[in-house]
Protein backbone atom coordinates (compact mmCIF):
# COMPACT_ATOMS: atom_id res chain seq x y z
CA MET A 1 147.67 43.86 143.36
CA PHE A 2 149.67 43.32 140.20
CA SER A 3 148.30 44.80 136.98
CA PRO A 4 150.23 44.23 133.76
CA GLY A 5 151.44 47.29 131.91
CA PRO A 6 151.30 47.85 128.17
CA TRP A 7 154.66 46.19 127.48
CA GLU A 8 153.71 43.08 129.42
CA LEU A 9 150.44 42.83 127.50
CA ILE A 10 152.27 43.16 124.16
CA ILE A 11 154.72 40.41 125.14
CA ILE A 12 151.86 38.11 126.24
CA LEU A 13 149.99 38.73 122.98
CA LEU A 14 153.13 37.99 120.94
CA ILE A 15 153.68 34.73 122.81
CA VAL A 16 150.05 33.72 122.22
CA LEU A 17 150.41 34.61 118.54
CA ILE A 18 153.54 32.49 118.23
CA ILE A 19 151.99 29.50 120.03
CA PHE A 20 148.59 29.42 118.33
CA GLY A 21 149.27 31.18 115.03
CA ALA A 22 147.27 33.89 113.32
CA GLY A 23 144.68 31.45 111.90
CA LYS A 24 143.59 30.08 115.28
CA LEU A 25 143.19 33.41 117.10
CA PRO A 26 139.71 34.23 115.69
CA GLU A 27 138.50 30.74 116.65
CA ILE A 28 139.89 31.10 120.16
CA GLY A 29 138.31 34.55 120.55
CA SER A 30 134.98 33.30 119.25
CA GLY A 31 135.00 30.33 121.60
CA LEU A 32 135.94 32.52 124.55
CA GLY A 33 133.17 35.00 123.73
CA LYS A 34 130.57 32.22 123.46
CA GLY A 35 131.72 30.76 126.75
CA ILE A 36 131.44 34.09 128.54
CA ARG A 37 128.00 34.73 126.99
CA ASN A 38 126.75 31.29 128.07
CA PHE A 39 128.13 31.80 131.57
CA LYS A 40 126.34 35.15 131.91
CA LYS A 41 123.12 33.59 130.64
CA ALA A 42 123.42 30.70 133.10
CA THR A 43 124.09 32.95 136.06
CA SER A 44 121.24 35.35 135.27
CA GLY A 45 118.86 33.03 137.13
CA LYS A 46 116.37 32.49 134.34
CA ASP A 47 115.98 28.85 133.36
CA GLU A 48 115.36 28.10 129.70
CA ILE A 49 114.00 24.62 130.26
CA ASP A 50 110.57 24.31 131.83
CA ILE A 51 110.20 20.88 133.41
CA THR A 52 106.70 21.30 134.79
CA PRO A 53 104.26 18.88 133.18
CA SER A 54 101.43 20.41 131.24
CA SER A 55 97.87 19.13 131.51
CA SER A 56 97.52 18.66 127.74
CA GLU A 57 100.21 15.96 127.55
CA GLU A 58 98.99 12.41 127.07
CA THR A 59 100.48 9.58 129.04
CA PRO A 60 102.49 7.12 126.94
CA ALA A 61 100.81 3.85 126.07
CA THR A 62 102.01 0.74 127.86
CA LYS A 63 102.99 -2.50 126.13
CA ASP A 64 99.64 -4.13 126.86
CA GLU A 65 97.69 -1.27 125.28
CA THR A 66 99.72 -1.30 122.08
CA LYS A 67 99.26 -5.03 121.35
CA ASN A 68 96.20 -6.12 119.41
CA PRO A 69 95.07 -9.68 120.34
């Protein structure tokens, strides 16, 4: 399989630097890092949101119960 050598990597980095500019590179790196971190967290199998109802929750009042005659 093809693996880029050091000169190819330098050329790719120079092209990216020319296209995006030096000011955008930290933002792109930060966004890429956050995306990878979120992907790893999502694939770890642990859900953050618990959707099971708890017994201490009250049921919402209906329209008839909220009106005072």
